[in-house]
């Protein structure tokens, strides 16, 4: 079996698959075993309000999509 594990600054994950926050819900448990994911990405929170990120907030790549919405508080 292929080893897909990754090390992120000392944090070892079984694989690099980390769905973006808000993209996975309980209903998807019927489709994919969540234990097979490398990690879950949660929402960020801060002590002080933030204005959010400026445009553009989304970058499409050949095999992925990056986003940094930074929802204002």
Protein backbone atom coordinates (compact mmCIF):
# COMPACT_ATOMS: atom_id res chain seq x y z
CA UNK A 1 0.00 0.00 0.00
CA UNK A 2 1.29 3.49 -0.82
CA UNK A 3 2.26 5.76 2.07
CA UNK A 4 0.55 9.13 1.58
CA UNK A 5 1.48 10.47 5.02
CA UNK A 6 2.74 14.03 5.36
CA UNK A 7 4.54 15.96 8.07
CA UNK A 8 3.44 19.55 8.62
CA UNK A 9 5.90 21.16 10.99
CA UNK A 10 5.96 18.11 13.25
CA UNK A 11 2.27 17.24 12.87
CA UNK A 12 2.07 13.89 11.08
CA UNK A 13 -1.07 13.21 9.04
CA UNK A 14 -2.02 9.93 7.37
CA UNK A 15 -2.53 11.84 4.10
CA UNK A 16 -2.77 15.44 2.86
CA UNK A 17 -6.54 15.39 2.24
CA UNK A 18 -8.04 18.22 4.31
CA UNK A 19 -11.47 19.44 3.17
CA UNK A 20 -11.94 23.18 3.56
CA UNK A 21 -14.04 24.35 6.48
CA UNK A 22 -17.73 24.18 5.80
CA UNK A 23 -17.46 21.73 2.88
CA UNK A 24 -18.13 18.50 4.78
CA UNK A 25 -21.28 17.72 6.74
CA UNK A 26 -22.75 14.72 8.53
CA UNK A 27 -24.69 13.69 5.42
CA UNK A 28 -21.43 12.96 3.63
CA UNK A 29 -20.65 10.20 6.13
CA UNK A 30 -22.79 7.96 3.88
CA UNK A 31 -20.42 8.70 0.98
CA UNK A 32 -16.96 8.77 2.57
CA UNK A 33 -15.45 7.38 5.76
CA UNK A 34 -14.29 10.51 7.60
CA UNK A 35 -11.57 8.43 9.30
CA UNK A 36 -9.81 8.24 5.92
CA UNK A 37 -9.27 12.02 5.79
CA UNK A 38 -5.93 13.49 6.84
CA UNK A 39 -7.58 16.26 8.89
CA UNK A 40 -10.58 18.56 9.14
CA UNK A 41 -10.12 22.30 8.68
CA UNK A 42 -12.27 24.33 11.05
CA UNK A 43 -13.35 27.95 11.00
CA UNK A 44 -10.97 30.49 12.51
CA UNK A 45 -11.97 32.76 15.34
CA UNK A 46 -10.27 35.79 16.87
CA UNK A 47 -10.61 38.00 19.93
CA UNK A 48 -11.10 41.12 17.83
CA UNK A 49 -13.32 41.84 14.78
CA UNK A 50 -11.75 41.49 11.33
CA UNK A 51 -12.70 43.13 8.06
CA UNK A 52 -12.27 39.97 5.95
CA UNK A 53 -9.92 39.40 3.02
CA UNK A 54 -9.81 41.59 -0.10
CA UNK A 55 -10.68 40.25 -3.57
CA UNK A 56 -9.74 37.93 -5.16
CA UNK A 57 -10.57 35.35 -2.52
CA UNK A 58 -10.56 32.21 -4.67
CA UNK A 59 -7.80 30.70 -6.81
CA UNK A 60 -8.55 27.78 -9.13
CA UNK A 61 -5.69 25.37 -9.85
CA UNK A 62 -5.42 22.35 -12.16
CA UNK A 63 -6.32 19.86 -9.42
CA UNK A 64 -7.53 21.99 -6.51
CA UNK A 65 -9.07 25.22 -5.40
CA UNK A 66 -7.74 27.58 -2.73
CA UNK A 67 -9.91 30.08 -0.95
CA UNK A 68 -9.33 32.67 1.74
CA UNK A 69 -12.70 34.26 2.33
CA UNK A 70 -11.92 35.66 5.77
CA UNK A 71 -15.53 36.38 6.66
CA UNK A 72 -15.82 39.70 8.46
CA UNK A 73 -17.07 39.73 12.04
